[in-house]
């Protein structure tokens, strides 16, 4: 049921809403209950004081005792008790000092018994009546009531008339105001809270569902796209909506798709080039050797054709060597041995090794260094491979009678090596892919068909393992420049 992310969000939100509103309901119920209980007690106390004052006034004005007053004004007192009982939603009764109920408000359910227990009376006599503020008055009621108990004392002006009742006690009786309901507001609050929670719950669930659906929709699209990638289709893209984190993820996913598509394209091109580069020399070698063995090639020409075979074998050797270098670099088997050496001297040797091809193209060479000798800390053979590769490419892709510039500069702790040539350059749209594996640089320039698209990838990998940088700048139809950095050994 909860395998879908959206359903998990909805379920989690439902639980959070339920727990939050449950806690809020409990807290509000407790606060309102305490408030209602306090207010009901105050109302009862005011009612008790009012009834007590009325009894004392009646006794004082009639100069009669407590019992005589209740008998003579029983009807009036009963009306007063009924009105107060209705106002306070309670039942009111008055007892004498022995606990006998003398007069009470209307009691249709017959909840008030004829006497109050001695335990309660003792608490009243001792002034501890608040102990029964919420109780069943020691079994007088079947359930607990909110109770307000106030004794009725003989006023000082009547002390001379009390002998006929009991001169040993100043308490004539007690007023009991008892209410069964202490949750009238709670019931209303509960129903209101329930309706509010229900509406909020429904609205929240709908909102969370649509919000979650909007968030998970790009993820579903990414999942479908990933399945397409598994089937070899890398042209699928995910729509980018908004600018939030999900949109950033969708953008990153599309960038990854573009990289995969480019990589697949380069891989296909690489396989095609390697197949061609393997098939062509092998066909040439096989044909010439068969011609020599069968006598189709006369002896005086065999040396010439054996030279061609030798060149094709060397070409195959370079291809295998490049593939082995890539394999060793990717596996981490090719360890770097960093030493200090003169990068300027290495650059001179590389230029000398390319002298014949430079002369063939009649290139104008400029060698510019800050100093005659500059030491760097790096793997000697790897840097020689990079420098030779860059110079070889510069010569290969230069215009006839063009210009080749090799400069070595230092700044702070870095040495900057630059190889620049005049030529068709690299199209701006292909610059980000120049160092990609299987990138075929001559695909766009058409000046050379012998490259494998591996040299610059190897250069980039070696430089990365040195912790340095390499980049390319180019103006299509004019020039191209490769620059890499090395650690300066001061």
Protein backbone atom coordinates (compact mmCIF):
# COMPACT_ATOMS: atom_id res chain seq x y z
CA UNK A 1 0.00 0.00 0.00
CA UNK A 2 2.82 2.40 0.92
CA UNK A 3 5.29 1.54 -1.86
CA UNK A 4 4.50 4.79 -3.66
CA UNK A 5 6.30 7.90 -2.39
CA UNK A 6 3.16 10.01 -2.74
CA UNK A 7 1.17 7.59 -0.60
CA UNK A 8 3.91 7.66 2.01
CA UNK A 9 3.74 11.46 2.09
CA UNK A 10 -0.04 11.42 2.46
CA UNK A 11 0.07 8.77 5.18
CA UNK A 12 2.82 10.59 7.07
CA UNK A 13 0.93 13.87 6.85
CA UNK A 14 -2.28 12.23 8.02
CA UNK A 15 -0.48 10.83 11.05
CA UNK A 16 1.13 14.19 11.82
CA UNK A 17 -2.21 16.03 11.50
CA UNK A 18 -3.95 13.45 13.66
CA UNK A 19 -1.30 13.55 16.39
CA UNK A 20 -1.08 17.36 16.30
CA UNK A 21 -4.82 17.92 16.54
CA UNK A 22 -5.17 15.21 19.16
CA UNK A 23 -2.56 16.96 21.31
CA UNK A 24 -4.21 20.33 20.63
CA UNK A 25 -7.63 18.93 21.54
CA UNK A 26 -6.34 17.47 24.79
CA UNK A 27 -4.64 20.72 25.69
CA UNK A 28 -7.66 22.90 24.85
CA UNK A 29 -10.02 20.48 26.60
CA UNK A 30 -7.92 20.60 29.73
CA UNK A 31 -7.74 24.40 29.68
CA UNK A 32 -11.45 24.86 28.95
CA UNK A 33 -12.40 22.20 31.50
CA UNK A 34 -10.39 23.90 34.21
CA UNK A 35 -11.81 27.27 33.24
CA UNK A 36 -15.39 25.99 33.20
CA UNK A 37 -14.91 24.24 36.52
CA UNK A 38 -13.52 27.43 38.08
CA UNK A 39 -16.29 29.60 36.66
CA UNK A 40 -18.99 27.14 37.78
CA UNK A 41 -17.54 27.11 41.27
CA UNK A 42 -17.54 30.90 41.39
CA UNK A 43 -21.17 30.98 40.23
CA UNK A 44 -22.10 28.44 42.87
CA UNK A 45 -20.23 30.37 45.57
CA UNK A 46 -22.02 33.57 44.62
CA UNK A 47 -25.35 31.70 44.67
CA UNK A 48 -24.56 30.20 48.09
CA UNK A 49 -23.57 33.58 49.52
CA UNK A 50 -26.73 35.13 48.09
CA UNK A 51 -28.95 32.43 49.64
CA UNK A 52 -27.10 32.60 52.95
CA UNK A 53 -27.44 36.37 53.09
CA UNK A 54 -31.14 36.09 52.27
CA UNK A 55 -31.67 33.60 55.14
CA UNK A 56 -29.80 35.78 57.61
CA UNK A 57 -31.73 38.87 56.57
CA UNK A 58 -35.05 37.04 56.91
CA UNK A 59 -34.08 35.77 60.37
CA UNK A 60 -32.97 39.21 61.47
CA UNK A 61 -36.09 40.97 60.18
CA UNK A 62 -38.50 38.38 61.62
CA UNK A 63 -36.56 37.82 64.83
CA UNK A 64 -37.19 34.12 64.47
CA UNK A 65 -35.05 31.08 64.51
CA UNK A 66 -33.62 29.13 61.57
CA UNK A 67 -36.22 26.40 61.54
CA UNK A 68 -39.16 28.75 62.02
CA UNK A 69 -37.92 30.94 59.22
CA UNK A 70 -37.66 28.02 56.79
CA UNK A 71 -41.16 26.87 57.72
CA UNK A 72 -42.76 30.33 57.43
CA UNK A 73 -41.04 31.24 54.16
CA UNK A 74 -40.67 27.77 52.68
CA UNK A 75 -42.54 28.54 49.46
CA UNK A 76 -40.59 31.73 48.81
CA UNK A 77 -37.27 30.06 49.59
CA UNK A 78 -38.16 27.14 47.36
CA UNK A 79 -38.85 29.56 44.47
CA UNK A 80 -35.51 31.25 45.08
CA UNK A 81 -33.73 27.88 45.08
CA UNK A 82 -35.47 26.85 41.85
CA UNK A 83 -34.46 30.06 40.06
CA UNK A 84 -30.87 29.79 41.20
CA UNK A 85 -30.77 26.09 40.40
CA UNK A 86 -31.97 26.80 36.87
CA UNK A 87 -29.45 29.60 36.38
CA UNK A 88 -26.55 27.46 37.59
CA UNK A 89 -27.77 24.20 36.04
CA UNK A 90 -27.70 22.54 39.44
CA UNK A 91 -29.76 21.16 42.29
CA UNK A 92 -29.80 23.14 45.56
CA UNK A 93 -30.80 21.96 49.02
CA UNK A 94 -30.45 23.22 52.59
CA UNK A 95 -29.83 21.00 55.59
CA UNK A 96 -29.98 21.62 59.30
CA UNK A 97 -26.97 21.08 61.50
CA UNK A 98 -27.78 17.39 61.77
CA UNK A 99 -27.67 16.79 58.02
CA UNK A 100 -31.41 16.56 57.43
CA UNK A 101 -32.56 18.08 54.17
CA UNK A 102 -35.09 20.78 55.07
CA UNK A 103 -35.77 22.43 51.76
CA UNK A 104 -34.56 21.77 48.21
CA UNK A 105 -35.07 22.89 44.63
CA UNK A 106 -37.12 20.83 42.24
CA UNK A 107 -35.69 17.33 42.01
CA UNK A 108 -37.68 15.42 39.34
CA UNK A 109 -35.08 12.62 39.16
CA UNK A 110 -34.97 12.23 42.92
CA UNK A 111 -31.18 12.41 43.12
CA UNK A 112 -31.19 14.25 46.49
CA UNK A 113 -31.55 11.98 49.53
CA UNK A 114 -33.14 13.03 52.83
CA UNK A 115 -29.90 13.26 54.78
CA UNK A 116 -26.25 14.02 54.29
CA UNK A 117 -23.68 11.60 55.74
CA UNK A 118 -21.94 12.42 58.99
CA UNK A 119 -18.58 12.28 57.21
CA UNK A 120 -19.58 15.19 55.02
CA UNK A 121 -21.07 17.07 58.00
CA UNK A 122 -17.87 16.69 59.98
CA UNK A 123 -15.91 18.09 57.04
CA UNK A 124 -18.36 21.02 56.91
CA UNK A 125 -18.02 21.60 60.66
CA UNK A 126 -14.21 21.47 60.36
CA UNK A 127 -14.17 23.87 57.40
CA UNK A 128 -12.86 21.20 55.00
CA UNK A 129 -15.84 21.21 52.65
CA UNK A 130 -13.61 21.87 49.62
CA UNK A 131 -12.57 18.21 49.83
CA UNK A 132 -15.98 17.41 48.34
CA UNK A 133 -15.88 20.04 45.57
CA UNK A 134 -16.03 17.25 43.00
CA UNK A 135 -17.46 14.07 44.50
CA UNK A 136 -20.62 12.06 45.11
CA UNK A 137 -20.88 13.48 48.66
CA UNK A 138 -20.03 10.18 50.28
CA UNK A 139 -22.64 8.19 48.37
CA UNK A 140 -25.44 10.75 48.27
CA UNK A 141 -25.29 10.77 44.45
CA UNK A 142 -24.75 7.89 42.10
CA UNK A 143 -22.05 9.84 40.23
CA UNK A 144 -19.67 12.67 40.97
CA UNK A 145 -21.06 16.19 41.02
CA UNK A 146 -19.49 19.62 41.09
CA UNK A 147 -20.35 20.74 44.64
CA UNK A 148 -20.31 24.03 46.48
CA UNK A 149 -20.95 23.63 50.23
CA UNK A 150 -21.29 26.66 52.47
CA UNK A 151 -22.38 26.54 56.15
CA UNK A 152 -25.06 28.89 57.49
CA UNK A 153 -23.96 30.65 60.65
CA UNK A 154 -26.05 32.58 63.13
CA UNK A 155 -25.39 36.28 62.75
CA UNK A 156 -23.98 38.00 65.88
CA UNK A 157 -27.19 40.03 66.40
CA UNK A 158 -29.18 36.80 66.88
CA UNK A 159 -27.03 35.04 69.41
CA UNK A 160 -29.61 35.73 72.14
CA UNK A 161 -32.34 33.88 70.20
CA UNK A 162 -30.44 30.67 69.48
CA UNK A 163 -31.26 28.85 72.73
CA UNK A 164 -34.30 27.15 71.28
CA UNK A 165 -32.08 25.54 68.59
CA UNK A 166 -28.78 24.69 70.19
CA UNK A 167 -26.82 27.26 72.06
CA UNK A 168 -23.66 25.19 71.86
CA UNK A 169 -23.27 25.64 68.07
CA UNK A 170 -23.08 28.71 65.89
CA UNK A 171 -23.72 26.75 62.64
CA UNK A 172 -27.40 26.46 61.87
CA UNK A 173 -27.10 24.28 58.78
CA UNK A 174 -25.52 24.21 55.32
CA UNK A 175 -26.31 25.11 51.75
CA UNK A 176 -25.48 22.48 49.09
CA UNK A 177 -25.32 23.47 45.41
CA UNK A 178 -24.57 20.46 43.23
CA UNK A 179 -24.22 20.27 39.44
CA UNK A 180 -23.83 17.10 37.46
CA UNK A 181 -22.59 18.81 34.28
CA UNK A 182 -19.09 20.28 34.16
CA UNK A 183 -18.55 19.75 30.41
CA UNK A 184 -21.20 21.76 28.61
CA UNK A 185 -18.55 23.84 26.89
CA UNK A 186 -16.36 20.78 26.38
CA UNK A 187 -19.10 19.00 24.45
CA UNK A 188 -19.57 22.01 22.18
CA UNK A 189 -15.83 22.45 21.81
CA UNK A 190 -15.42 18.76 21.01
CA UNK A 191 -17.97 18.82 18.20
CA UNK A 192 -16.49 22.05 16.80
CA UNK A 193 -12.96 20.65 16.96
CA UNK A 194 -14.10 17.42 15.31
CA UNK A 195 -15.67 19.30 12.39
CA UNK A 196 -12.65 21.59 12.08
CA UNK A 197 -10.22 18.67 12.15
CA UNK A 198 -12.30 16.81 9.59
CA UNK A 199 -12.31 19.73 7.14
CA UNK A 200 -8.62 20.51 7.67
CA UNK A 201 -7.84 16.83 7.34
CA UNK A 202 -9.68 16.51 4.04
CA UNK A 203 -8.25 19.74 2.59
CA UNK A 204 -4.73 18.83 3.74
CA UNK A 205 -4.91 15.33 2.30
CA UNK A 206 -6.05 16.68 -1.07
CA UNK A 207 -3.38 19.41 -1.02
CA UNK A 208 -0.61 17.01 0.01
CA UNK A 209 -1.71 14.53 -2.64
CA UNK A 210 -1.51 17.04 -5.47
CA UNK A 211 1.70 18.59 -4.14
CA UNK A 212 3.22 15.14 -3.76
CA UNK A 213 2.01 14.16 -7.21
CA UNK A 214 3.65 17.29 -8.64
CA UNK A 215 6.89 16.44 -6.84
CA UNK A 216 6.92 12.77 -7.79
CA UNK A 217 5.90 13.27 -11.42
CA UNK A 218 9.45 14.28 -12.49
CA UNK A 219 10.79 11.27 -10.56
CA UNK A 220 8.42 8.97 -12.47
CA UNK A 221 9.56 10.58 -15.73
CA UNK A 222 13.19 10.05 -14.70
CA UNK A 223 12.41 6.42 -13.94
CA UNK A 224 10.89 5.94 -17.38
CA UNK A 225 13.87 7.71 -18.96
CA UNK A 226 16.31 5.51 -17.02
CA UNK A 227 14.51 2.42 -18.34
CA UNK A 228 14.91 3.85 -21.85
CA UNK A 229 18.64 4.29 -21.17
CA UNK A 230 18.82 0.62 -20.20
CA UNK A 231 17.41 -0.18 -23.65
CA UNK A 232 20.07 1.95 -25.35
CA UNK A 233 17.87 5.00 -26.05
CA UNK A 234 19.67 8.10 -24.75
CA UNK A 235 17.61 10.74 -26.54
CA UNK A 236 14.89 10.84 -23.83
CA UNK A 237 14.72 14.05 -21.75
CA UNK A 238 12.80 14.99 -18.60
CA UNK A 239 10.73 18.23 -18.66
CA UNK A 240 12.11 20.85 -16.24
CA UNK A 241 9.41 22.71 -14.30
CA UNK A 242 10.16 25.56 -11.87
CA UNK A 243 13.46 26.25 -10.16
CA UNK A 244 13.32 24.14 -7.00
CA UNK A 245 15.46 21.15 -5.99
CA UNK A 246 13.41 18.76 -8.12
CA UNK A 247 13.96 21.03 -11.13
CA UNK A 248 17.70 21.03 -10.39
CA UNK A 249 17.62 17.24 -10.23
CA UNK A 250 15.77 17.11 -13.56
CA UNK A 251 18.36 19.46 -15.11
CA UNK A 252 21.21 17.34 -13.77
CA UNK A 253 19.46 14.23 -15.11
CA UNK A 254 19.14 15.79 -18.57
CA UNK A 255 22.81 16.79 -18.48
CA UNK A 256 23.69 13.22 -17.59
CA UNK A 257 21.52 12.00 -20.47
CA UNK A 258 23.33 14.35 -22.84
CA UNK A 259 26.68 13.05 -21.58
CA UNK A 260 25.55 9.46 -22.01
CA UNK A 261 24.25 10.21 -25.49
CA UNK A 262 27.53 11.87 -26.42
CA UNK A 263 29.51 9.05 -24.87
CA UNK A 264 27.47 6.47 -26.77
CA UNK A 265 27.99 8.43 -29.96
CA UNK A 266 31.73 8.65 -29.29
CA UNK A 267 31.86 4.96 -28.42
CA UNK A 268 30.13 4.05 -31.65
CA UNK A 269 32.45 6.32 -33.61
CA UNK A 270 35.46 4.91 -31.79
CA UNK A 271 34.49 1.33 -32.55
CA UNK A 272 33.97 2.29 -36.16
CA UNK A 273 37.36 4.04 -36.31
CA UNK A 274 39.19 1.25 -34.53
CA UNK A 275 37.56 -1.34 -36.78
CA UNK A 276 38.58 0.67 -39.82
CA UNK A 277 42.10 1.27 -38.50
CA UNK A 278 42.49 -2.41 -37.79
CA UNK A 279 40.92 -3.69 -40.97
CA UNK A 280 42.74 -1.33 -43.38
CA UNK A 281 46.36 -2.07 -42.34
CA UNK A 282 45.62 -5.76 -41.88
CA UNK A 283 44.16 -5.90 -45.38
CA UNK A 284 47.18 -4.03 -46.74
CA UNK A 285 49.64 -6.24 -44.90
CA UNK A 286 47.84 -9.41 -45.96
CA UNK A 287 47.63 -8.29 -49.59
CA UNK A 288 51.29 -7.32 -49.92
CA UNK A 289 52.58 -10.41 -48.14
CA UNK A 290 50.40 -12.64 -50.27
CA UNK A 291 51.70 -10.79 -53.34
CA UNK A 292 55.31 -11.42 -52.28
CA UNK A 293 54.65 -15.08 -51.44
CA UNK A 294 52.85 -15.78 -54.68
CA UNK A 295 55.41 -13.89 -56.76
CA UNK A 296 52.88 -11.33 -57.95
CA UNK A 297 55.23 -8.64 -56.68
CA UNK A 298 58.61 -8.85 -58.40
CA UNK A 299 61.71 -9.11 -56.20
CA UNK A 300 62.97 -5.63 -57.14
CA UNK A 301 59.78 -4.09 -55.68
CA UNK A 302 59.49 -6.26 -52.60
CA UNK A 303 61.60 -3.94 -50.47
CA UNK A 304 59.29 -1.02 -51.27
CA UNK A 305 56.18 -2.95 -50.32
CA UNK A 306 57.83 -4.41 -47.20
CA UNK A 307 58.44 -0.80 -46.12
CA UNK A 308 54.69 -0.15 -46.50
CA UNK A 309 53.96 -3.29 -44.46
CA UNK A 310 56.37 -2.09 -41.77
CA UNK A 311 54.58 1.25 -41.57
CA UNK A 312 51.21 -0.46 -41.24
CA UNK A 313 52.58 -2.70 -38.47
CA UNK A 314 53.82 0.36 -36.61
CA UNK A 315 50.40 1.95 -37.01
CA UNK A 316 48.82 -1.14 -35.47
CA UNK A 317 51.38 -1.01 -32.69
CA UNK A 318 50.47 2.61 -31.91
CA UNK A 319 46.79 1.68 -31.78
CA UNK A 320 47.40 -1.22 -29.41
CA UNK A 321 49.70 0.94 -27.28
CA UNK A 322 47.04 3.65 -26.96
CA UNK A 323 44.40 1.11 -25.99
CA UNK A 324 46.74 -0.39 -23.40
CA UNK A 325 47.52 3.06 -21.99
CA UNK A 326 43.81 3.77 -21.56
CA UNK A 327 43.24 0.42 -19.89
CA UNK A 328 46.14 0.95 -17.47
CA UNK A 329 45.04 4.52 -16.68
CA UNK A 330 41.45 3.45 -16.02
CA UNK A 331 42.59 0.54 -13.84
CA UNK A 332 45.10 2.70 -11.97
CA UNK A 333 47.95 0.35 -12.86
CA UNK A 334 50.09 3.09 -14.36
CA UNK A 335 51.84 4.64 -11.37
CA UNK A 336 53.18 8.17 -11.46
CA UNK A 337 56.78 8.69 -10.39
CA UNK A 338 57.21 12.38 -9.74
CA UNK A 339 60.69 13.78 -10.15
CA UNK A 340 62.22 17.16 -10.83
CA UNK A 341 63.21 17.81 -14.46
CA UNK A 342 63.69 20.68 -16.91
CA UNK A 343 60.45 21.23 -18.86
CA UNK A 344 62.19 23.66 -21.24
CA UNK A 345 64.74 21.05 -22.30
CA UNK A 346 61.97 18.49 -22.78
CA UNK A 347 60.07 20.93 -25.02
CA UNK A 348 63.20 21.48 -27.15
CA UNK A 349 63.65 17.73 -27.58
CA UNK A 350 60.02 17.29 -28.64
CA UNK A 351 60.36 20.06 -31.24
CA UNK A 352 63.54 18.47 -32.57
CA UNK A 353 61.83 15.07 -32.86
CA UNK A 354 59.09 16.70 -34.98
CA UNK A 355 61.61 18.67 -37.08
CA UNK A 356 61.09 16.72 -40.30
CA UNK A 357 57.32 17.15 -40.32
CA UNK A 358 57.68 20.79 -39.37
CA UNK A 359 59.97 21.31 -42.33
CA UNK A 360 57.58 19.44 -44.62
CA UNK A 361 54.80 21.91 -43.77
CA UNK A 362 57.20 24.88 -43.74
CA UNK A 363 55.91 26.01 -40.35
CA UNK A 364 57.19 29.11 -38.59
CA UNK A 365 58.09 27.93 -35.05
CA UNK A 366 58.27 30.26 -32.05
CA UNK A 367 59.66 28.94 -28.75
CA UNK A 368 59.12 31.36 -25.87
CA UNK A 369 60.16 30.78 -22.23
CA UNK A 370 60.52 33.02 -19.20
CA UNK A 371 63.85 31.38 -18.41
CA UNK A 372 66.30 29.14 -20.24
CA UNK A 373 65.66 26.39 -17.72
CA UNK A 374 62.61 25.76 -15.52
CA UNK A 375 62.22 22.74 -13.29
CA UNK A 376 58.87 21.09 -12.61
CA UNK A 377 57.82 18.21 -10.37
CA UNK A 378 55.93 15.55 -12.34
CA UNK A 379 56.16 12.13 -13.96
CA UNK A 380 58.77 12.61 -16.70
CA UNK A 381 57.51 10.03 -19.21
CA UNK A 382 53.84 11.00 -18.84
CA UNK A 383 54.55 14.71 -19.40
CA UNK A 384 56.72 13.86 -22.39
CA UNK A 385 53.79 11.86 -23.82
CA UNK A 386 51.45 14.84 -23.31
CA UNK A 387 53.83 17.39 -24.80
CA UNK A 388 54.62 15.18 -27.79
CA UNK A 389 50.91 14.52 -28.40
CA UNK A 390 50.03 18.23 -28.33
CA UNK A 391 52.94 19.26 -30.58
CA UNK A 392 52.19 16.38 -32.96
CA UNK A 393 48.54 17.49 -33.22
CA UNK A 394 49.59 21.11 -33.69
CA UNK A 395 51.84 20.15 -36.59
CA UNK A 396 49.24 17.79 -38.05
CA UNK A 397 46.42 20.34 -38.05
CA UNK A 398 48.41 23.47 -38.97
CA UNK A 399 48.01 25.26 -42.30
CA UNK A 400 50.83 24.93 -44.80
CA UNK A 401 53.38 27.68 -44.00
CA UNK A 402 51.42 28.29 -40.79
CA UNK A 403 52.70 29.11 -37.32
CA UNK A 404 53.49 26.90 -34.33
CA UNK A 405 54.01 28.55 -30.93
CA UNK A 406 55.27 26.74 -27.84
CA UNK A 407 55.55 28.88 -24.72
CA UNK A 408 56.48 28.05 -21.10
CA UNK A 409 55.68 30.62 -18.43
CA UNK A 410 55.69 30.48 -14.65
CA UNK A 411 53.54 32.30 -12.14
CA UNK A 412 53.77 31.77 -8.39
CA UNK A 413 53.98 28.00 -7.87
CA UNK A 414 52.72 26.99 -11.31
CA UNK A 415 54.28 26.53 -14.74
CA UNK A 416 51.99 27.11 -17.73
CA UNK A 417 52.83 25.18 -20.92
CA UNK A 418 51.05 26.36 -24.07
CA UNK A 419 50.99 24.80 -27.56
CA UNK A 420 49.31 26.95 -30.20
CA UNK A 421 48.97 26.56 -33.96
CA UNK A 422 47.28 28.34 -36.84
CA UNK A 423 44.67 26.19 -38.54
CA UNK A 424 40.98 25.50 -38.88
CA UNK A 425 40.63 25.31 -35.10
CA UNK A 426 37.84 23.53 -33.23
CA UNK A 427 34.16 24.52 -33.52
CA UNK A 428 32.87 26.24 -30.39
CA UNK A 429 30.16 23.63 -29.89
CA UNK A 430 32.73 20.82 -29.72
CA UNK A 431 35.14 22.43 -27.26
CA UNK A 432 33.46 20.84 -24.16
CA UNK A 433 33.99 17.38 -25.68
CA UNK A 434 37.59 17.66 -26.86
CA UNK A 435 38.96 15.70 -23.88
CA UNK A 436 36.22 13.07 -23.94
CA UNK A 437 37.13 9.48 -24.49
CA UNK A 438 36.70 8.41 -28.13
CA UNK A 439 36.46 12.03 -29.31
CA UNK A 440 37.70 12.19 -32.91
CA UNK A 441 39.17 15.63 -33.44
CA UNK A 442 39.64 15.27 -37.19
CA UNK A 443 35.91 14.57 -37.60
CA UNK A 444 35.22 18.29 -37.78
CA UNK A 445 38.38 19.42 -39.50
CA UNK A 446 38.88 16.70 -42.03
CA UNK A 447 42.67 17.22 -42.25
CA UNK A 448 43.74 13.87 -40.90
CA UNK A 449 42.15 10.44 -40.81
CA UNK A 450 44.74 8.56 -38.75
CA UNK A 451 43.75 9.78 -35.28
CA UNK A 452 42.01 7.45 -32.87
CA UNK A 453 40.37 10.05 -30.66
CA UNK A 454 42.33 8.82 -27.64
CA UNK A 455 45.34 11.13 -27.36
CA UNK A 456 43.64 14.11 -25.72
CA UNK A 457 41.67 11.84 -23.38
CA UNK A 458 44.96 10.28 -22.25
CA UNK A 459 46.46 13.76 -21.77
CA UNK A 460 43.51 14.88 -19.66
CA UNK A 461 43.63 11.73 -17.53
CA UNK A 462 47.36 12.12 -16.84
CA UNK A 463 47.00 15.80 -15.94
CA UNK A 464 44.07 15.01 -13.62
CA UNK A 465 46.15 12.39 -11.82
CA UNK A 466 48.82 15.04 -11.30
CA UNK A 467 46.18 17.29 -9.71
CA UNK A 468 46.74 19.90 -12.41
CA UNK A 469 44.59 21.47 -15.14
CA UNK A 470 44.43 21.39 -18.93
CA UNK A 471 42.16 23.42 -21.19
CA UNK A 472 41.70 24.43 -24.80
CA UNK A 473 40.94 27.72 -26.54
CA UNK A 474 40.16 28.04 -30.21
CA UNK A 475 38.84 30.32 -32.89
CA UNK A 476 37.32 28.33 -35.69
CA UNK A 477 39.12 28.87 -38.98
CA UNK A 478 42.03 30.70 -37.34
CA UNK A 479 43.88 29.08 -34.44
CA UNK A 480 43.81 26.56 -31.60
CA UNK A 481 45.70 26.55 -28.28
CA UNK A 482 46.13 23.88 -25.57
CA UNK A 483 47.43 24.89 -22.14
CA UNK A 484 48.29 22.73 -19.14
CA UNK A 485 49.84 23.46 -15.74
CA UNK A 486 52.55 21.76 -13.71
CA UNK A 487 54.00 22.24 -10.23
CA UNK A 488 57.01 24.59 -10.30
CA UNK A 489 60.11 23.32 -8.52
CA UNK A 490 61.65 26.54 -7.21
